[in-house]
Amino acid sequence: MKNPLSRRRFLRTMLTTAGCALPGVTVARAATLRLAKVIVHYQDHPKGHDMCGMCRFFLPAVGHSNGMMMQGLKPTGTMAMGHCVKVAGRISPMGYCVLFTPRLDK
């Protein structure tokens, strides 16, 4: 049985493929492109205790704290959608994808 595909190998393959498939896009430029949600199996709900709001790649909406959930503060209304360094589009702090990496600032 083969080893499962690691995140690092998956990203390297995707970025290399993107660099080769798009004319005029260098590997360095491909590294700054964001992946589609479907590629990283994004879902708008957490996987256990893992969620985008606790991921090192999550960028909260302007005026919202990235540590909001961990401090036990409840925002008014719905939680603001943010963005991700790695994934394209708006990202829910309660979402999850296979690129989840816990923040180290706990």
PDB file of N, CA and C in Angstrom:
ATOM      1  N   MET A   1       0.843  -1.183   0.000  1.00  0.00           N
ATOM      2  CA  MET A   1       0.000   0.000   0.000  1.00  0.00           C
ATOM      3  C   MET A   1       0.884   1.240   0.000  1.00  0.00           C
ATOM      4  N   LYS A   2       0.561   2.203  -0.850  1.00  0.00           N
ATOM      5  CA  LYS A   2       1.326   3.440  -0.943  1.00  0.00           C
ATOM      6  C   LYS A   2       1.061   4.347   0.251  1.00  0.00           C
ATOM      7  N   ASN A   3       2.036   5.200   0.551  1.00  0.00           N
ATOM      8  CA  ASN A   3       1.830   6.211   1.586  1.00  0.00           C
ATOM      9  C   ASN A   3       0.822   7.237   1.085  1.00  0.00           C
ATOM     10  N   PRO A   4      -0.024   7.751   1.978  1.00  0.00           N
ATOM     11  CA  PRO A   4      -0.969   8.782   1.538  1.00  0.00           C
ATOM     12  C   PRO A   4      -0.217  10.047   1.126  1.00  0.00           C
ATOM     13  N   LEU A   5      -0.827  10.800   0.271  1.00  0.00           N
ATOM     14  CA  LEU A   5      -0.232  12.034  -0.226  1.00  0.00           C
ATOM     15  C   LEU A   5      -0.137  13.050   0.904  1.00  0.00           C
ATOM     16  N   SER A   6       1.065  13.545   1.166  1.00  0.00           N
ATOM     17  CA  SER A   6       1.236  14.546   2.222  1.00  0.00           C
ATOM     18  C   SER A   6       0.802  15.914   1.717  1.00  0.00           C
ATOM     19  N   ARG A   7       0.501  16.826   2.642  1.00  0.00           N
ATOM     20  CA  ARG A   7       0.126  18.187   2.262  1.00  0.00           C
ATOM     21  C   ARG A   7       1.239  18.853   1.475  1.00  0.00           C
ATOM     22  N   ARG A   8       2.460  18.679   1.950  1.00  0.00           N
ATOM     23  CA  ARG A   8       3.603  19.320   1.292  1.00  0.00           C
ATOM     24  C   ARG A   8       3.747  18.827  -0.145  1.00  0.00           C
ATOM     25  N   ARG A   9       3.665  17.522  -0.350  1.00  0.00           N
ATOM     26  CA  ARG A   9       3.791  16.969  -1.699  1.00  0.00           C
ATOM     27  C   ARG A   9       2.616  17.412  -2.575  1.00  0.00           C
ATOM     28  N   PHE A  10       1.412  17.436  -1.998  1.00  0.00           N
ATOM     29  CA  PHE A  10       0.228  17.876  -2.722  1.00  0.00           C
ATOM     30  C   PHE A  10       0.398  19.319  -3.204  1.00  0.00           C
ATOM     31  N   LEU A  11       0.805  20.208  -2.297  1.00  0.00           N
ATOM     32  CA  LEU A  11       0.982  21.612  -2.675  1.00  0.00           C
ATOM     33  C   LEU A  11       2.088  21.779  -3.696  1.00  0.00           C
ATOM     34  N   ARG A  12       3.193  21.095  -3.506  1.00  0.00           N
ATOM     35  CA  ARG A  12       4.310  21.192  -4.447  1.00  0.00           C
ATOM     36  C   ARG A  12       3.855  20.743  -5.838  1.00  0.00           C
ATOM     37  N   THR A  13       3.110  19.651  -5.909  1.00  0.00           N
ATOM     38  CA  THR A  13       2.614  19.153  -7.189  1.00  0.00           C
ATOM     39  C   THR A  13       1.650  20.146  -7.819  1.00  0.00           C
ATOM     40  N   MET A  14       0.733  20.689  -7.015  1.00  0.00           N
ATOM     41  CA  MET A  14      -0.243  21.641  -7.537  1.00  0.00           C
ATOM     42  C   MET A  14       0.434  22.918  -8.040  1.00  0.00           C
ATOM     43  N   LEU A  15       1.407  23.417  -7.298  1.00  0.00           N
ATOM     44  CA  LEU A  15       2.077  24.651  -7.692  1.00  0.00           C
ATOM     45  C   LEU A  15       2.951  24.434  -8.924  1.00  0.00           C
ATOM     46  N   THR A  16       3.624  23.310  -8.990  1.00  0.00           N
ATOM     47  CA  THR A  16       4.448  23.005 -10.155  1.00  0.00           C
ATOM     48  C   THR A  16       3.566  22.851 -11.387  1.00  0.00           C
ATOM     49  N   THR A  17       2.452  22.152 -11.227  1.00  0.00           N
ATOM     50  CA  THR A  17       1.525  21.967 -12.331  1.00  0.00           C
ATOM     51  C   THR A  17       0.958  23.306 -12.782  1.00  0.00           C
ATOM     52  N   ALA A  18       0.605  24.155 -11.836  1.00  0.00           N
ATOM     53  CA  ALA A  18       0.064  25.478 -12.178  1.00  0.00           C
ATOM     54  C   ALA A  18       1.106  26.293 -12.941  1.00  0.00           C
ATOM     55  N   GLY A  19       2.365  26.193 -12.541  1.00  0.00           N
ATOM     56  CA  GLY A  19       3.433  26.932 -13.214  1.00  0.00           C
ATOM     57  C   GLY A  19       3.654  26.449 -14.639  1.00  0.00           C
ATOM     58  N   CYS A  20       3.489  25.156 -14.866  1.00  0.00           N
ATOM     59  CA  CYS A  20       3.693  24.598 -16.201  1.00  0.00           C
ATOM     60  C   CYS A  20       2.462  24.790 -17.084  1.00  0.00           C
ATOM     61  N   ALA A  21       1.288  24.783 -16.471  1.00  0.00           N
ATOM     62  CA  ALA A  21       0.056  24.828 -17.255  1.00  0.00           C
ATOM     63  C   ALA A  21      -0.322  26.234 -17.702  1.00  0.00           C
ATOM     64  N   LEU A  22       0.137  27.235 -16.994  1.00  0.00           N
ATOM     65  CA  LEU A  22      -0.224  28.599 -17.331  1.00  0.00           C
ATOM     66  C   LEU A  22       0.954  29.304 -17.978  1.00  0.00           C
ATOM     67  N   PRO A  23       0.844  29.665 -19.251  1.00  0.00           N
ATOM     68  CA  PRO A  23       1.947  30.336 -19.921  1.00  0.00           C
ATOM     69  C   PRO A  23       2.289  31.651 -19.231  1.00  0.00           C
ATOM     70  N   GLY A  24       3.566  31.899 -19.072  1.00  0.00           N
ATOM     71  CA  GLY A  24       4.027  33.146 -18.467  1.00  0.00           C
ATOM     72  C   GLY A  24       3.985  33.154 -16.955  1.00  0.00           C
ATOM     73  N   VAL A  25       3.567  32.058 -16.329  1.00  0.00           N
ATOM     74  CA  VAL A  25       3.521  31.994 -14.870  1.00  0.00           C
ATOM     75  C   VAL A  25       4.734  31.208 -14.380  1.00  0.00           C
ATOM     76  N   THR A  26       5.576  31.870 -13.626  1.00  0.00           N
ATOM     77  CA  THR A  26       6.760  31.195 -13.088  1.00  0.00           C
ATOM     78  C   THR A  26       6.374  30.419 -11.844  1.00  0.00           C
ATOM     79  N   VAL A  27       7.264  29.560 -11.401  1.00  0.00           N
ATOM     80  CA  VAL A  27       7.005  28.792 -10.182  1.00  0.00           C
ATOM     81  C   VAL A  27       6.867  29.747  -8.996  1.00  0.00           C
ATOM     82  N   ALA A  28       7.670  30.815  -8.964  1.00  0.00           N
ATOM     83  CA  ALA A  28       7.567  31.786  -7.872  1.00  0.00           C
ATOM     84  C   ALA A  28       6.195  32.457  -7.884  1.00  0.00           C
ATOM     85  N   ARG A  29       5.690  32.790  -9.045  1.00  0.00           N
ATOM     86  CA  ARG A  29       4.360  33.408  -9.153  1.00  0.00           C
ATOM     87  C   ARG A  29       3.282  32.398  -8.788  1.00  0.00           C
ATOM     88  N   ALA A  30       3.461  31.163  -9.193  1.00  0.00           N
ATOM     89  CA  ALA A  30       2.492  30.123  -8.874  1.00  0.00           C
ATOM     90  C   ALA A  30       2.388  29.932  -7.365  1.00  0.00           C
ATOM     91  N   ALA A  31       3.480  30.162  -6.636  1.00  0.00           N
ATOM     92  CA  ALA A  31       3.475  30.015  -5.186  1.00  0.00           C
ATOM     93  C   ALA A  31       2.591  31.067  -4.525  1.00  0.00           C
ATOM     94  N   THR A  32       2.359  32.198  -5.196  1.00  0.00           N
ATOM     95  CA  THR A  32       1.514  33.243  -4.625  1.00  0.00           C
ATOM     96  C   THR A  32       0.045  33.069  -5.014  1.00  0.00           C
ATOM     97  N   LEU A  33      -0.249  32.181  -5.945  1.00  0.00           N
ATOM     98  CA  LEU A  33      -1.635  31.922  -6.337  1.00  0.00           C
ATOM     99  C   LEU A  33      -2.330  31.138  -5.239  1.00  0.00           C
ATOM    100  N   ARG A  34      -3.609  31.373  -5.078  1.00  0.00           N
ATOM    101  CA  ARG A  34      -4.370  30.647  -4.069  1.00  0.00           C
ATOM    102  C   ARG A  34      -5.088  29.475  -4.720  1.00  0.00           C
ATOM    103  N   LEU A  35      -5.219  28.400  -3.981  1.00  0.00           N
ATOM    104  CA  LEU A  35      -5.868  27.189  -4.471  1.00  0.00           C
ATOM    105  C   LEU A  35      -7.391  27.321  -4.391  1.00  0.00           C
ATOM    106  N   ALA A  36      -8.063  26.624  -5.265  1.00  0.00           N
ATOM    107  CA  ALA A  36      -9.530  26.608  -5.252  1.00  0.00           C
ATOM    108  C   ALA A  36     -10.018  25.800  -4.052  1.00  0.00           C
ATOM    109  N   LYS A  37     -11.167  26.173  -3.526  1.00  0.00           N
ATOM    110  CA  LYS A  37     -11.734  25.497  -2.360  1.00  0.00           C
ATOM    111  C   LYS A  37     -11.934  24.007  -2.606  1.00  0.00           C
ATOM    112  N   VAL A  38     -12.341  23.645  -3.808  1.00  0.00           N
ATOM    113  CA  VAL A  38     -12.613  22.239  -4.106  1.00  0.00           C
ATOM    114  C   VAL A  38     -11.332  21.401  -4.033  1.00  0.00           C
ATOM    115  N   ILE A  39     -10.206  21.981  -4.379  1.00  0.00           N
ATOM    116  CA  ILE A  39      -8.935  21.249  -4.361  1.00  0.00           C
ATOM    117  C   ILE A  39      -8.524  20.894  -2.939  1.00  0.00           C
ATOM    118  N   VAL A  40      -8.787  21.801  -2.001  1.00  0.00           N
ATOM    119  CA  VAL A  40      -8.369  21.575  -0.613  1.00  0.00           C
ATOM    120  C   VAL A  40      -9.506  21.013   0.241  1.00  0.00           C
ATOM    121  N   HIS A  41     -10.604  20.613  -0.405  1.00  0.00           N
ATOM    122  CA  HIS A  41     -11.756  20.025   0.279  1.00  0.00           C
ATOM    123  C   HIS A  41     -12.292  20.942   1.377  1.00  0.00           C
ATOM    124  N   TYR A  42     -12.440  22.231   1.036  1.00  0.00           N
ATOM    125  CA  TYR A  42     -12.969  23.205   1.987  1.00  0.00           C
ATOM    126  C   TYR A  42     -14.413  22.875   2.336  1.00  0.00           C
ATOM    127  N   GLN A  43     -14.743  23.016   3.609  1.00  0.00           N
ATOM    128  CA  GLN A  43     -16.125  22.873   4.070  1.00  0.00           C
ATOM    129  C   GLN A  43     -16.406  24.038   5.015  1.00  0.00           C
ATOM    130  N   ASP A  44     -17.647  24.465   5.100  1.00  0.00           N
ATOM    131  CA  ASP A  44     -17.971  25.639   5.915  1.00  0.00           C
ATOM    132  C   ASP A  44     -18.295  25.289   7.366  1.00  0.00           C
ATOM    133  N   HIS A  45     -17.908  24.111   7.799  1.00  0.00           N
ATOM    134  CA  HIS A  45     -18.070  23.709   9.190  1.00  0.00           C
ATOM    135  C   HIS A  45     -16.769  23.052   9.666  1.00  0.00           C
ATOM    136  N   PRO A  46     -16.515  23.059  10.975  1.00  0.00           N
ATOM    137  CA  PRO A  46     -15.249  22.529  11.483  1.00  0.00           C
ATOM    138  C   PRO A  46     -15.166  21.007  11.377  1.00  0.00           C
ATOM    139  N   LYS A  47     -13.956  20.519  11.511  1.00  0.00           N
ATOM    140  CA  LYS A  47     -13.713  19.073  11.592  1.00  0.00           C
ATOM    141  C   LYS A  47     -13.235  18.823  13.017  1.00  0.00           C
ATOM    142  N   GLY A  48     -14.135  18.394  13.848  1.00  0.00           N
ATOM    143  CA  GLY A  48     -13.810  18.246  15.261  1.00  0.00           C
ATOM    144  C   GLY A  48     -13.518  19.619  15.854  1.00  0.00           C
ATOM    145  N   HIS A  49     -12.334  19.778  16.428  1.00  0.00           N
ATOM    146  CA  HIS A  49     -11.934  21.059  17.006  1.00  0.00           C
ATOM    147  C   HIS A  49     -11.098  21.886  16.031  1.00  0.00           C
ATOM    148  N   ASP A  50     -10.812  21.355  14.863  1.00  0.00           N
ATOM    149  CA  ASP A  50     -10.013  22.071  13.870  1.00  0.00           C
ATOM    150  C   ASP A  50     -10.914  22.954  13.021  1.00  0.00           C
ATOM    151  N   MET A  51     -10.594  24.253  12.972  1.00  0.00           N
ATOM    152  CA  MET A  51     -11.375  25.187  12.172  1.00  0.00           C
ATOM    153  C   MET A  51     -10.486  26.322  11.690  1.00  0.00           C
ATOM    154  N   CYS A  52     -10.895  26.935  10.603  1.00  0.00           N
ATOM    155  CA  CYS A  52     -10.104  27.984   9.957  1.00  0.00           C
ATOM    156  C   CYS A  52      -9.720  29.109  10.909  1.00  0.00           C
ATOM    157  N   GLY A  53     -10.603  29.498  11.815  1.00  0.00           N
ATOM    158  CA  GLY A  53     -10.318  30.575  12.751  1.00  0.00           C
ATOM    159  C   GLY A  53      -9.128  30.281  13.647  1.00  0.00           C
ATOM    160  N   MET A  54      -8.731  29.017  13.758  1.00  0.00           N
ATOM    161  CA  MET A  54      -7.590  28.625  14.584  1.00  0.00           C
ATOM    162  C   MET A  54      -6.389  28.217  13.730  1.00  0.00           C
ATOM    163  N   CYS A  55      -6.479  28.447  12.415  1.00  0.00           N
ATOM    164  CA  CYS A  55      -5.406  28.056  11.491  1.00  0.00           C
ATOM    165  C   CYS A  55      -4.442  29.216  11.272  1.00  0.00           C
ATOM    166  N   ARG A  56      -3.177  28.896  11.088  1.00  0.00           N
ATOM    167  CA  ARG A  56      -2.159  29.933  10.891  1.00  0.00           C
ATOM    168  C   ARG A  56      -2.313  30.665   9.560  1.00  0.00           C
ATOM    169  N   PHE A  57      -3.039  30.106   8.600  1.00  0.00           N
ATOM    170  CA  PHE A  57      -3.209  30.725   7.287  1.00  0.00           C
ATOM    171  C   PHE A  57      -4.447  31.627   7.205  1.00  0.00           C
ATOM    172  N   PHE A  58      -5.288  31.609   8.231  1.00  0.00           N
ATOM    173  CA  PHE A  58      -6.537  32.379   8.211  1.00  0.00           C
ATOM    174  C   PHE A  58      -6.270  33.859   8.480  1.00  0.00           C
ATOM    175  N   LEU A  59      -6.888  34.707   7.673  1.00  0.00           N
ATOM    176  CA  LEU A  59      -6.803  36.162   7.848  1.00  0.00           C
ATOM    177  C   LEU A  59      -8.192  36.662   8.207  1.00  0.00           C
ATOM    178  N   PRO A  60      -8.396  37.134   9.445  1.00  0.00           N
ATOM    179  CA  PRO A  60      -9.735  37.577   9.846  1.00  0.00           C
ATOM    180  C   PRO A  60     -10.161  38.828   9.094  1.00  0.00           C
ATOM    181  N   ALA A  61     -11.450  39.048   9.067  1.00  0.00           N
ATOM    182  CA  ALA A  61     -11.976  40.260   8.446  1.00  0.00           C
ATOM    183  C   ALA A  61     -11.438  41.468   9.208  1.00  0.00           C
ATOM    184  N   VAL A  62     -11.316  42.592   8.536  1.00  0.00           N
ATOM    185  CA  VAL A  62     -10.800  43.811   9.156  1.00  0.00           C
ATOM    186  C   VAL A  62     -11.651  44.165  10.364  1.00  0.00           C
ATOM    187  N   GLY A  63     -10.987  44.421  11.483  1.00  0.00           N
ATOM    188  CA  GLY A  63     -11.694  44.791  12.701  1.00  0.00           C
ATOM    189  C   GLY A  63     -12.087  43.619  13.575  1.00  0.00           C
ATOM    190  N   HIS A  64     -11.752  42.395  13.165  1.00  0.00           N
ATOM    191  CA  HIS A  64     -12.059  41.216  13.962  1.00  0.00           C
ATOM    192  C   HIS A  64     -10.763  40.573  14.425  1.00  0.00           C
ATOM    193  N   SER A  65     -10.753  40.091  15.624  1.00  0.00           N
ATOM    194  CA  SER A  65      -9.562  39.466  16.193  1.00  0.00           C
ATOM    195  C   SER A  65      -9.447  38.025  15.718  1.00  0.00           C
ATOM    196  N   ASN A  66      -8.233  37.599  15.362  1.00  0.00           N
ATOM    197  CA  ASN A  66      -7.999  36.214  14.956  1.00  0.00           C
ATOM    198  C   ASN A  66      -8.149  35.271  16.148  1.00  0.00           C
ATOM    199  N   GLY A  67      -7.973  35.776  17.362  1.00  0.00           N
ATOM    200  CA  GLY A  67      -8.085  34.936  18.547  1.00  0.00           C
ATOM    201  C   GLY A  67      -9.469  34.983  19.169  1.00  0.00           C
ATOM    202  N   MET A  68     -10.448  35.496  18.458  1.00  0.00           N
ATOM    203  CA  MET A  68     -11.783  35.703  18.980  1.00  0.00           C
ATOM    204  C   MET A  68     -12.367  34.427  19.588  1.00  0.00           C
ATOM    205  N   MET A  69     -12.271  33.308  18.892  1.00  0.00           N
ATOM    206  CA  MET A  69     -12.889  32.082  19.380  1.00  0.00           C
ATOM    207  C   MET A  69     -12.136  31.513  20.563  1.00  0.00           C
ATOM    208  N   MET A  70     -10.819  31.621  20.552  1.00  0.00           N
ATOM    209  CA  MET A  70     -10.043  31.024  21.614  1.00  0.00           C
ATOM    210  C   MET A  70     -10.161  31.816  22.914  1.00  0.00           C
ATOM    211  N   GLN A  71     -10.499  33.098  22.841  1.00  0.00           N
ATOM    212  CA  GLN A  71     -10.647  33.905  24.041  1.00  0.00           C
ATOM    213  C   GLN A  71     -12.050  33.772  24.625  1.00  0.00           C
ATOM    214  N   GLY A  72     -12.914  33.040  23.955  1.00  0.00           N
ATOM    215  CA  GLY A  72     -14.260  32.823  24.440  1.00  0.00           C
ATOM    216  C   GLY A  72     -15.197  33.998  24.208  1.00  0.00           C
ATOM    217  N   LEU A  73     -14.814  34.939  23.378  1.00  0.00           N
ATOM    218  CA  LEU A  73     -15.665  36.085  23.087  1.00  0.00           C
ATOM    219  C   LEU A  73     -16.679  35.700  22.024  1.00  0.00           C
ATOM    220  N   LYS A  74     -17.898  36.143  22.193  1.00  0.00           N
ATOM    221  CA  LYS A  74     -18.930  35.849  21.212  1.00  0.00           C
ATOM    222  C   LYS A  74     -19.198  37.111  20.404  1.00  0.00           C
ATOM    223  N   PRO A  75     -19.014  37.053  19.090  1.00  0.00           N
ATOM    224  CA  PRO A  75     -19.282  38.226  18.267  1.00  0.00           C
ATOM    225  C   PRO A  75     -20.781  38.454  18.137  1.00  0.00           C
ATOM    226  N   THR A  76     -21.175  39.677  17.856  1.00  0.00           N
ATOM    227  CA  THR A  76     -22.589  39.939  17.629  1.00  0.00           C
ATOM    228  C   THR A  76     -22.943  39.510  16.215  1.00  0.00           C
ATOM    229  N   GLY A  77     -24.099  38.922  16.036  1.00  0.00           N
ATOM    230  CA  GLY A  77     -24.506  38.455  14.710  1.00  0.00           C
ATOM    231  C   GLY A  77     -23.672  37.261  14.285  1.00  0.00           C
ATOM    232  N   THR A  78     -23.511  37.103  12.986  1.00  0.00           N
ATOM    233  CA  THR A  78     -22.721  35.989  12.481  1.00  0.00           C
ATOM    234  C   THR A  78     -21.242  36.352  12.489  1.00  0.00           C
ATOM    235  N   MET A  79     -20.410  35.364  12.533  1.00  0.00           N
ATOM    236  CA  MET A  79     -18.973  35.611  12.514  1.00  0.00           C
ATOM    237  C   MET A  79     -18.576  36.113  11.137  1.00  0.00           C
ATOM    238  N   ALA A  80     -17.712  37.093  11.099  1.00  0.00           N
ATOM    239  CA  ALA A  80     -17.311  37.707   9.841  1.00  0.00           C
ATOM    240  C   ALA A  80     -16.466  36.748   9.013  1.00  0.00           C
ATOM    241  N   MET A  81     -16.734  36.729   7.722  1.00  0.00           N
ATOM    242  CA  MET A  81     -15.947  35.925   6.801  1.00  0.00           C
ATOM    243  C   MET A  81     -14.569  36.554   6.663  1.00  0.00           C
ATOM    244  N   GLY A  82     -13.554  35.736   6.583  1.00  0.00           N
ATOM    245  CA  GLY A  82     -12.193  36.215   6.398  1.00  0.00           C
ATOM    246  C   GLY A  82     -11.630  35.694   5.096  1.00  0.00           C
ATOM    247  N   HIS A  83     -10.311  35.627   5.029  1.00  0.00           N
ATOM    248  CA  HIS A  83      -9.613  35.108   3.858  1.00  0.00           C
ATOM    249  C   HIS A  83      -8.516  34.165   4.320  1.00  0.00           C
ATOM    250  N   CYS A  84      -7.972  33.442   3.381  1.00  0.00           N
ATOM    251  CA  CYS A  84      -6.902  32.492   3.665  1.00  0.00           C
ATOM    252  C   CYS A  84      -5.702  32.814   2.788  1.00  0.00           C
ATOM    253  N   VAL A  85      -4.530  32.621   3.347  1.00  0.00           N
ATOM    254  CA  VAL A  85      -3.292  32.835   2.596  1.00  0.00           C
ATOM    255  C   VAL A  85      -3.162  31.818   1.465  1.00  0.00           C
ATOM    256  N   LYS A  86      -3.701  30.627   1.656  1.00  0.00           N
ATOM    257  CA  LYS A  86      -3.535  29.523   0.705  1.00  0.00           C
ATOM    258  C   LYS A  86      -4.740  29.250  -0.185  1.00  0.00           C
ATOM    259  N   VAL A  87      -5.946  29.631   0.264  1.00  0.00           N
ATOM    260  CA  VAL A  87      -7.174  29.258  -0.436  1.00  0.00           C
ATOM    261  C   VAL A  87      -7.884  30.503  -0.964  1.00  0.00           C
ATOM    262  N   ALA A  88      -8.378  30.436  -2.176  1.00  0.00           N
ATOM    263  CA  ALA A  88      -9.067  31.558  -2.812  1.00  0.00           C
ATOM    264  C   ALA A  88     -10.484  31.712  -2.264  1.00  0.00           C
ATOM    265  N   GLY A  89     -10.967  32.947  -2.235  1.00  0.00           N
ATOM    266  CA  GLY A  89     -12.341  33.222  -1.854  1.00  0.00           C
ATOM    267  C   GLY A  89     -12.500  33.562  -0.385  1.00  0.00           C
ATOM    268  N   ARG A  90     -13.739  33.845  -0.015  1.00  0.00           N
ATOM    269  CA  ARG A  90     -14.049  34.163   1.374  1.00  0.00           C
ATOM    270  C   ARG A  90     -14.086  32.883   2.189  1.00  0.00           C
ATOM    271  N   ILE A  91     -13.564  32.963   3.394  1.00  0.00           N
ATOM    272  CA  ILE A  91     -13.431  31.789   4.249  1.00  0.00           C
ATOM    273  C   ILE A  91     -14.133  32.032   5.577  1.00  0.00           C
ATOM    274  N   SER A  92     -14.927  31.073   6.001  1.00  0.00           N
ATOM    275  CA  SER A  92     -15.595  31.154   7.291  1.00  0.00           C
ATOM    276  C   SER A  92     -14.614  30.776   8.396  1.00  0.00           C
ATOM    277  N   PRO A  93     -14.588  31.499   9.510  1.00  0.00           N
ATOM    278  CA  PRO A  93     -13.722  31.102  10.614  1.00  0.00           C
ATOM    279  C   PRO A  93     -14.120  29.740  11.188  1.00  0.00           C
ATOM    280  N   MET A  94     -15.346  29.307  10.901  1.00  0.00           N
ATOM    281  CA  MET A  94     -15.811  27.997  11.360  1.00  0.00           C
ATOM    282  C   MET A  94     -15.572  26.910  10.308  1.00  0.00           C
ATOM    283  N   GLY A  95     -14.964  27.259   9.179  1.00  0.00           N
ATOM    284  CA  GLY A  95     -14.712  26.301   8.114  1.00  0.00           C
ATOM    285  C   GLY A  95     -13.513  25.410   8.399  1.00  0.00           C
ATOM    286  N   TYR A  96     -13.190  24.556   7.429  1.00  0.00           N
ATOM    287  CA  TYR A  96     -12.060  23.628   7.556  1.00  0.00           C
ATOM    288  C   TYR A  96     -11.631  23.185   6.167  1.00  0.00           C
ATOM    289  N   CYS A  97     -10.330  22.935   5.999  1.00  0.00           N
ATOM    290  CA  CYS A  97      -9.817  22.301   4.780  1.00  0.00           C
ATOM    291  C   CYS A  97      -8.602  21.460   5.146  1.00  0.00           C
ATOM    292  N   VAL A  98      -8.104  20.696   4.189  1.00  0.00           N
ATOM    293  CA  VAL A  98      -6.992  19.779   4.453  1.00  0.00           C
ATOM    294  C   VAL A  98      -5.676  20.506   4.725  1.00  0.00           C
ATOM    295  N   LEU A  99      -5.607  21.803   4.484  1.00  0.00           N
ATOM    296  CA  LEU A  99      -4.389  22.562   4.742  1.00  0.00           C
ATOM    297  C   LEU A  99      -4.326  23.087   6.165  1.00  0.00           C
ATOM    298  N   PHE A 100      -5.310  22.752   6.999  1.00  0.00           N
ATOM    299  CA  PHE A 100      -5.363  23.261   8.362  1.00  0.00           C
ATOM    300  C   PHE A 100      -4.038  23.011   9.074  1.00  0.00           C
ATOM    301  N   THR A 101      -3.492  24.094   9.630  1.00  0.00           N
ATOM    302  CA  THR A 101      -2.273  24.039  10.422  1.00  0.00           C
ATOM    303  C   THR A 101      -2.495  24.930  11.641  1.00  0.00           C
ATOM    304  N   PRO A 102      -2.456  24.364  12.840  1.00  0.00           N
ATOM    305  CA  PRO A 102      -2.736  25.169  14.033  1.00  0.00           C
ATOM    306  C   PRO A 102      -1.750  26.331  14.168  1.00  0.00           C
ATOM    307  N   ARG A 103      -2.284  27.452  14.680  1.00  0.00           N
ATOM    308  CA  ARG A 103      -1.407  28.595  14.953  1.00  0.00           C
ATOM    309  C   ARG A 103      -0.492  28.258  16.108  1.00  0.00           C
ATOM    310  N   LEU A 104       0.677  28.864  16.114  1.00  0.00           N
ATOM    311  CA  LEU A 104       1.663  28.596  17.161  1.00  0.00           C
ATOM    312  C   LEU A 104       1.602  29.618  18.286  1.00  0.00           C
ATOM    313  N   ASP A 105       0.728  30.612  18.202  1.00  0.00           N
ATOM    314  CA  ASP A 105       0.682  31.693  19.198  1.00  0.00           C
ATOM    315  C   ASP A 105      -0.258  31.420  20.366  1.00  0.00           C
ATOM    316  N   LYS A 106      -0.485  30.169  20.677  1.00  0.00           N
ATOM    317  CA  LYS A 106      -1.395  29.829  21.780  1.00  0.00           C
ATOM    318  C   LYS A 106      -0.757  30.107  23.112  1.00  0.00           C
TER     319      LYS A 106
END
